[in-house]
Amino acid sequence: MTDKSKIQGEGNYDAARKFDKEERAFVKKGGIEQKAKDAEAALEGPEGADLEKARKEADERGHMDER
């Protein structure tokens, strides 16, 4: 019988656990409101056009299979 902790079929359980752990630590650390304000300022600032272009390119790559 296989060790279920090593199954990597439909999802990578190790990576999911690591992501969840790091996400909880990020939220617990706080400062999310300030990060949101910083992101908004960046979008409205001189780098805003570049950030929007990058967002659109990433969005297009994410939908390539749906075309």
PDB file of N, CA and C in Angstrom:
ATOM      1  N   MET A   1       0.845  -1.177   0.000  1.00  0.00           N
ATOM      2  CA  MET A   1       0.000   0.000   0.000  1.00  0.00           C
ATOM      3  C   MET A   1       0.890   1.240   0.000  1.00  0.00           C
ATOM      4  N   THR A   2       0.435   2.304  -0.664  1.00  0.00           N
ATOM      5  CA  THR A   2       1.237   3.519  -0.741  1.00  0.00           C
ATOM      6  C   THR A   2       0.993   4.446   0.433  1.00  0.00           C
ATOM      7  N   ASP A   3       2.009   5.233   0.704  1.00  0.00           N
ATOM      8  CA  ASP A   3       1.909   6.244   1.751  1.00  0.00           C
ATOM      9  C   ASP A   3       1.106   7.422   1.195  1.00  0.00           C
ATOM     10  N   LYS A   4      -0.092   7.672   1.747  1.00  0.00           N
ATOM     11  CA  LYS A   4      -0.976   8.713   1.217  1.00  0.00           C
ATOM     12  C   LYS A   4      -0.365  10.104   1.299  1.00  0.00           C
ATOM     13  N   SER A   5       0.596  10.340   2.184  1.00  0.00           N
ATOM     14  CA  SER A   5       1.201  11.667   2.286  1.00  0.00           C
ATOM     15  C   SER A   5       2.059  11.982   1.072  1.00  0.00           C
ATOM     16  N   LYS A   6       2.383  10.976   0.262  1.00  0.00           N
ATOM     17  CA  LYS A   6       3.217  11.201  -0.917  1.00  0.00           C
ATOM     18  C   LYS A   6       2.421  11.242  -2.213  1.00  0.00           C
ATOM     19  N   ILE A   7       1.111  11.069  -2.148  1.00  0.00           N
ATOM     20  CA  ILE A   7       0.278  11.091  -3.345  1.00  0.00           C
ATOM     21  C   ILE A   7       0.323  12.495  -3.952  1.00  0.00           C
ATOM     22  N   GLN A   8       0.584  12.561  -5.237  1.00  0.00           N
ATOM     23  CA  GLN A   8       0.661  13.848  -5.923  1.00  0.00           C
ATOM     24  C   GLN A   8      -0.186  13.809  -7.204  1.00  0.00           C
ATOM     25  N   GLY A   9      -1.314  13.147  -7.160  1.00  0.00           N
ATOM     26  CA  GLY A   9      -2.152  12.981  -8.348  1.00  0.00           C
ATOM     27  C   GLY A   9      -2.837  14.257  -8.786  1.00  0.00           C
ATOM     28  N   GLU A  10      -4.047  14.488  -8.334  1.00  0.00           N
ATOM     29  CA  GLU A  10      -4.825  15.650  -8.750  1.00  0.00           C
ATOM     30  C   GLU A  10      -4.303  16.940  -8.156  1.00  0.00           C
ATOM     31  N   GLY A  11      -3.508  16.849  -7.134  1.00  0.00           N
ATOM     32  CA  GLY A  11      -2.966  18.045  -6.502  1.00  0.00           C
ATOM     33  C   GLY A  11      -1.709  17.712  -5.730  1.00  0.00           C
ATOM     34  N   ASN A  12      -0.926  18.703  -5.482  1.00  0.00           N
ATOM     35  CA  ASN A  12       0.301  18.513  -4.735  1.00  0.00           C
ATOM     36  C   ASN A  12       0.004  18.851  -3.275  1.00  0.00           C
ATOM     37  N   TYR A  13      -0.220  17.814  -2.486  1.00  0.00           N
ATOM     38  CA  TYR A  13      -0.623  18.011  -1.094  1.00  0.00           C
ATOM     39  C   TYR A  13       0.439  18.729  -0.279  1.00  0.00           C
ATOM     40  N   ASP A  14       1.693  18.426  -0.530  1.00  0.00           N
ATOM     41  CA  ASP A  14       2.772  19.098   0.201  1.00  0.00           C
ATOM     42  C   ASP A  14       2.775  20.591  -0.098  1.00  0.00           C
ATOM     43  N   ALA A  15       2.649  20.936  -1.369  1.00  0.00           N
ATOM     44  CA  ALA A  15       2.631  22.344  -1.765  1.00  0.00           C
ATOM     45  C   ALA A  15       1.396  23.047  -1.200  1.00  0.00           C
ATOM     46  N   ALA A  16       0.263  22.359  -1.191  1.00  0.00           N
ATOM     47  CA  ALA A  16      -0.965  22.956  -0.658  1.00  0.00           C
ATOM     48  C   ALA A  16      -0.824  23.226   0.832  1.00  0.00           C
ATOM     49  N   ARG A  17      -0.254  22.280   1.570  1.00  0.00           N
ATOM     50  CA  ARG A  17      -0.038  22.485   3.008  1.00  0.00           C
ATOM     51  C   ARG A  17       0.910  23.650   3.248  1.00  0.00           C
ATOM     52  N   LYS A  18       1.974  23.725   2.464  1.00  0.00           N
ATOM     53  CA  LYS A  18       2.951  24.811   2.618  1.00  0.00           C
ATOM     54  C   LYS A  18       2.288  26.154   2.319  1.00  0.00           C
ATOM     55  N   PHE A  19       1.513  26.208   1.242  1.00  0.00           N
ATOM     56  CA  PHE A  19       0.817  27.441   0.883  1.00  0.00           C
ATOM     57  C   PHE A  19      -0.126  27.868   2.002  1.00  0.00           C
ATOM     58  N   ASP A  20      -0.932  26.932   2.504  1.00  0.00           N
ATOM     59  CA  ASP A  20      -1.878  27.245   3.576  1.00  0.00           C
ATOM     60  C   ASP A  20      -1.161  27.776   4.811  1.00  0.00           C
ATOM     61  N   LYS A  21      -0.055  27.135   5.187  1.00  0.00           N
ATOM     62  CA  LYS A  21       0.706  27.562   6.359  1.00  0.00           C
ATOM     63  C   LYS A  21       1.239  28.989   6.173  1.00  0.00           C
ATOM     64  N   GLU A  22       1.812  29.256   5.002  1.00  0.00           N
ATOM     65  CA  GLU A  22       2.368  30.582   4.736  1.00  0.00           C
ATOM     66  C   GLU A  22       1.274  31.644   4.627  1.00  0.00           C
ATOM     67  N   GLU A  23       0.134  31.271   4.083  1.00  0.00           N
ATOM     68  CA  GLU A  23      -0.983  32.204   3.961  1.00  0.00           C
ATOM     69  C   GLU A  23      -1.513  32.591   5.344  1.00  0.00           C
ATOM     70  N   ARG A  24      -1.641  31.617   6.217  1.00  0.00           N
ATOM     71  CA  ARG A  24      -2.094  31.900   7.588  1.00  0.00           C
ATOM     72  C   ARG A  24      -1.107  32.815   8.307  1.00  0.00           C
ATOM     73  N   ALA A  25       0.184  32.566   8.132  1.00  0.00           N
ATOM     74  CA  ALA A  25       1.207  33.396   8.766  1.00  0.00           C
ATOM     75  C   ALA A  25       1.146  34.826   8.230  1.00  0.00           C
ATOM     76  N   PHE A  26       0.925  34.972   6.936  1.00  0.00           N
ATOM     77  CA  PHE A  26       0.823  36.294   6.321  1.00  0.00           C
ATOM     78  C   PHE A  26      -0.348  37.077   6.912  1.00  0.00           C
ATOM     79  N   VAL A  27      -1.499  36.428   7.011  1.00  0.00           N
ATOM     80  CA  VAL A  27      -2.692  37.085   7.548  1.00  0.00           C
ATOM     81  C   VAL A  27      -2.498  37.414   9.027  1.00  0.00           C
ATOM     82  N   LYS A  28      -1.923  36.483   9.777  1.00  0.00           N
ATOM     83  CA  LYS A  28      -1.710  36.694  11.210  1.00  0.00           C
ATOM     84  C   LYS A  28      -0.752  37.859  11.467  1.00  0.00           C
ATOM     85  N   LYS A  29       0.220  38.022  10.574  1.00  0.00           N
ATOM     86  CA  LYS A  29       1.208  39.094  10.714  1.00  0.00           C
ATOM     87  C   LYS A  29       0.546  40.468  10.625  1.00  0.00           C
ATOM     88  N   GLY A  30      -0.525  40.561   9.846  1.00  0.00           N
ATOM     89  CA  GLY A  30      -1.247  41.826   9.722  1.00  0.00           C
ATOM     90  C   GLY A  30      -0.656  42.727   8.660  1.00  0.00           C
ATOM     91  N   GLY A  31      -1.163  43.948   8.612  1.00  0.00           N
ATOM     92  CA  GLY A  31      -0.679  44.915   7.647  1.00  0.00           C
ATOM     93  C   GLY A  31      -1.310  44.796   6.277  1.00  0.00           C
ATOM     94  N   ILE A  32      -2.369  44.012   6.176  1.00  0.00           N
ATOM     95  CA  ILE A  32      -3.000  43.786   4.880  1.00  0.00           C
ATOM     96  C   ILE A  32      -3.616  45.080   4.340  1.00  0.00           C
ATOM     97  N   GLU A  33      -4.227  45.870   5.216  1.00  0.00           N
ATOM     98  CA  GLU A  33      -4.838  47.119   4.778  1.00  0.00           C
ATOM     99  C   GLU A  33      -3.781  48.044   4.179  1.00  0.00           C
ATOM    100  N   GLN A  34      -2.602  48.115   4.803  1.00  0.00           N
ATOM    101  CA  GLN A  34      -1.532  48.971   4.284  1.00  0.00           C
ATOM    102  C   GLN A  34      -1.021  48.456   2.941  1.00  0.00           C
ATOM    103  N   LYS A  35      -0.912  47.140   2.810  1.00  0.00           N
ATOM    104  CA  LYS A  35      -0.477  46.570   1.528  1.00  0.00           C
ATOM    105  C   LYS A  35      -1.482  46.891   0.424  1.00  0.00           C
ATOM    106  N   ALA A  36      -2.773  46.872   0.748  1.00  0.00           N
ATOM    107  CA  ALA A  36      -3.801  47.220  -0.226  1.00  0.00           C
ATOM    108  C   ALA A  36      -3.675  48.686  -0.635  1.00  0.00           C
ATOM    109  N   LYS A  37      -3.415  49.567   0.335  1.00  0.00           N
ATOM    110  CA  LYS A  37      -3.226  50.989   0.023  1.00  0.00           C
ATOM    111  C   LYS A  37      -1.980  51.202  -0.827  1.00  0.00           C
ATOM    112  N   ASP A  38      -0.913  50.470  -0.518  1.00  0.00           N
ATOM    113  CA  ASP A  38       0.319  50.569  -1.311  1.00  0.00           C
ATOM    114  C   ASP A  38       0.076  50.128  -2.749  1.00  0.00           C
ATOM    115  N   ALA A  39      -0.677  49.052  -2.913  1.00  0.00           N
ATOM    116  CA  ALA A  39      -0.980  48.548  -4.258  1.00  0.00           C
ATOM    117  C   ALA A  39      -1.826  49.556  -5.031  1.00  0.00           C
ATOM    118  N   GLU A  40      -2.795  50.142  -4.364  1.00  0.00           N
ATOM    119  CA  GLU A  40      -3.642  51.146  -5.013  1.00  0.00           C
ATOM    120  C   GLU A  40      -2.808  52.350  -5.443  1.00  0.00           C
ATOM    121  N   ALA A  41      -1.903  52.790  -4.575  1.00  0.00           N
ATOM    122  CA  ALA A  41      -1.031  53.922  -4.913  1.00  0.00           C
ATOM    123  C   ALA A  41      -0.135  53.584  -6.101  1.00  0.00           C
ATOM    124  N   ALA A  42       0.360  52.349  -6.158  1.00  0.00           N
ATOM    125  CA  ALA A  42       1.211  51.937  -7.272  1.00  0.00           C
ATOM    126  C   ALA A  42       0.425  51.956  -8.574  1.00  0.00           C
ATOM    127  N   LEU A  43      -0.826  51.500  -8.536  1.00  0.00           N
ATOM    128  CA  LEU A  43      -1.654  51.502  -9.741  1.00  0.00           C
ATOM    129  C   LEU A  43      -1.962  52.908 -10.222  1.00  0.00           C
ATOM    130  N   GLU A  44      -2.079  53.837  -9.287  1.00  0.00           N
ATOM    131  CA  GLU A  44      -2.401  55.215  -9.645  1.00  0.00           C
ATOM    132  C   GLU A  44      -1.144  56.032  -9.951  1.00  0.00           C
ATOM    133  N   GLY A  45       0.025  55.485  -9.644  1.00  0.00           N
ATOM    134  CA  GLY A  45       1.279  56.197  -9.833  1.00  0.00           C
ATOM    135  C   GLY A  45       1.885  55.968 -11.204  1.00  0.00           C
ATOM    136  N   PRO A  46       3.158  56.353 -11.354  1.00  0.00           N
ATOM    137  CA  PRO A  46       3.838  56.265 -12.648  1.00  0.00           C
ATOM    138  C   PRO A  46       3.976  54.840 -13.191  1.00  0.00           C
ATOM    139  N   GLU A  47       3.983  53.864 -12.308  1.00  0.00           N
ATOM    140  CA  GLU A  47       4.118  52.477 -12.775  1.00  0.00           C
ATOM    141  C   GLU A  47       2.767  51.818 -13.072  1.00  0.00           C
ATOM    142  N   GLY A  48       1.702  52.558 -12.915  1.00  0.00           N
ATOM    143  CA  GLY A  48       0.360  52.012 -13.092  1.00  0.00           C
ATOM    144  C   GLY A  48       0.113  51.397 -14.457  1.00  0.00           C
ATOM    145  N   ALA A  49       0.563  52.077 -15.508  1.00  0.00           N
ATOM    146  CA  ALA A  49       0.339  51.556 -16.866  1.00  0.00           C
ATOM    147  C   ALA A  49       1.069  50.233 -17.062  1.00  0.00           C
ATOM    148  N   ASP A  50       2.301  50.132 -16.559  1.00  0.00           N
ATOM    149  CA  ASP A  50       3.056  48.881 -16.680  1.00  0.00           C
ATOM    150  C   ASP A  50       2.403  47.755 -15.883  1.00  0.00           C
ATOM    151  N   LEU A  51       1.905  48.080 -14.699  1.00  0.00           N
ATOM    152  CA  LEU A  51       1.236  47.069 -13.876  1.00  0.00           C
ATOM    153  C   LEU A  51      -0.043  46.575 -14.552  1.00  0.00           C
ATOM    154  N   GLU A  52      -0.796  47.487 -15.139  1.00  0.00           N
ATOM    155  CA  GLU A  52      -2.034  47.089 -15.824  1.00  0.00           C
ATOM    156  C   GLU A  52      -1.717  46.234 -17.049  1.00  0.00           C
ATOM    157  N   LYS A  53      -0.677  46.590 -17.775  1.00  0.00           N
ATOM    158  CA  LYS A  53      -0.269  45.799 -18.941  1.00  0.00           C
ATOM    159  C   LYS A  53       0.111  44.385 -18.508  1.00  0.00           C
ATOM    160  N   ALA A  54       0.880  44.267 -17.424  1.00  0.00           N
ATOM    161  CA  ALA A  54       1.286  42.954 -16.918  1.00  0.00           C
ATOM    162  C   ALA A  54       0.072  42.148 -16.463  1.00  0.00           C
ATOM    163  N   ARG A  55      -0.898  42.814 -15.832  1.00  0.00           N
ATOM    164  CA  ARG A  55      -2.108  42.118 -15.380  1.00  0.00           C
ATOM    165  C   ARG A  55      -2.872  41.556 -16.570  1.00  0.00           C
ATOM    166  N   LYS A  56      -3.010  42.366 -17.618  1.00  0.00           N
ATOM    167  CA  LYS A  56      -3.733  41.912 -18.803  1.00  0.00           C
ATOM    168  C   LYS A  56      -3.020  40.744 -19.480  1.00  0.00           C
ATOM    169  N   GLU A  57      -1.694  40.810 -19.573  1.00  0.00           N
ATOM    170  CA  GLU A  57      -0.930  39.720 -20.184  1.00  0.00           C
ATOM    171  C   GLU A  57      -1.092  38.428 -19.383  1.00  0.00           C
ATOM    172  N   ALA A  58      -1.045  38.539 -18.061  1.00  0.00           N
ATOM    173  CA  ALA A  58      -1.215  37.355 -17.210  1.00  0.00           C
ATOM    174  C   ALA A  58      -2.625  36.792 -17.363  1.00  0.00           C
ATOM    175  N   ASP A  59      -3.611  37.667 -17.454  1.00  0.00           N
ATOM    176  CA  ASP A  59      -4.991  37.234 -17.619  1.00  0.00           C
ATOM    177  C   ASP A  59      -5.166  36.494 -18.940  1.00  0.00           C
ATOM    178  N   GLU A  60      -4.544  37.015 -20.000  1.00  0.00           N
ATOM    179  CA  GLU A  60      -4.630  36.353 -21.309  1.00  0.00           C
ATOM    180  C   GLU A  60      -4.001  34.976 -21.265  1.00  0.00           C
ATOM    181  N   ARG A  61      -2.865  34.834 -20.607  1.00  0.00           N
ATOM    182  CA  ARG A  61      -2.208  33.533 -20.503  1.00  0.00           C
ATOM    183  C   ARG A  61      -3.075  32.556 -19.723  1.00  0.00           C
ATOM    184  N   GLY A  62      -3.781  33.058 -18.735  1.00  0.00           N
ATOM    185  CA  GLY A  62      -4.643  32.203 -17.925  1.00  0.00           C
ATOM    186  C   GLY A  62      -5.844  31.681 -18.663  1.00  0.00           C
ATOM    187  N   HIS A  63      -6.239  32.354 -19.729  1.00  0.00           N
ATOM    188  CA  HIS A  63      -7.439  31.958 -20.473  1.00  0.00           C
ATOM    189  C   HIS A  63      -7.108  31.341 -21.821  1.00  0.00           C
ATOM    190  N   MET A  64      -5.854  31.025 -22.073  1.00  0.00           N
ATOM    191  CA  MET A  64      -5.458  30.491 -23.379  1.00  0.00           C
ATOM    192  C   MET A  64      -6.214  29.216 -23.741  1.00  0.00           C
ATOM    193  N   ASP A  65      -6.428  28.336 -22.779  1.00  0.00           N
ATOM    194  CA  ASP A  65      -7.098  27.063 -23.057  1.00  0.00           C
ATOM    195  C   ASP A  65      -8.593  27.241 -23.343  1.00  0.00           C
ATOM    196  N   GLU A  66      -9.146  28.358 -22.955  1.00  0.00           N
ATOM    197  CA  GLU A  66     -10.584  28.591 -23.108  1.00  0.00           C
ATOM    198  C   GLU A  66     -10.942  29.124 -24.487  1.00  0.00           C
ATOM    199  N   ARG A  67      -9.970  29.480 -25.284  1.00  0.00           N
ATOM    200  CA  ARG A  67     -10.244  30.082 -26.599  1.00  0.00           C
ATOM    201  C   ARG A  67     -10.755  29.104 -27.584  1.00  0.00           C
TER     202      ARG A  67
END
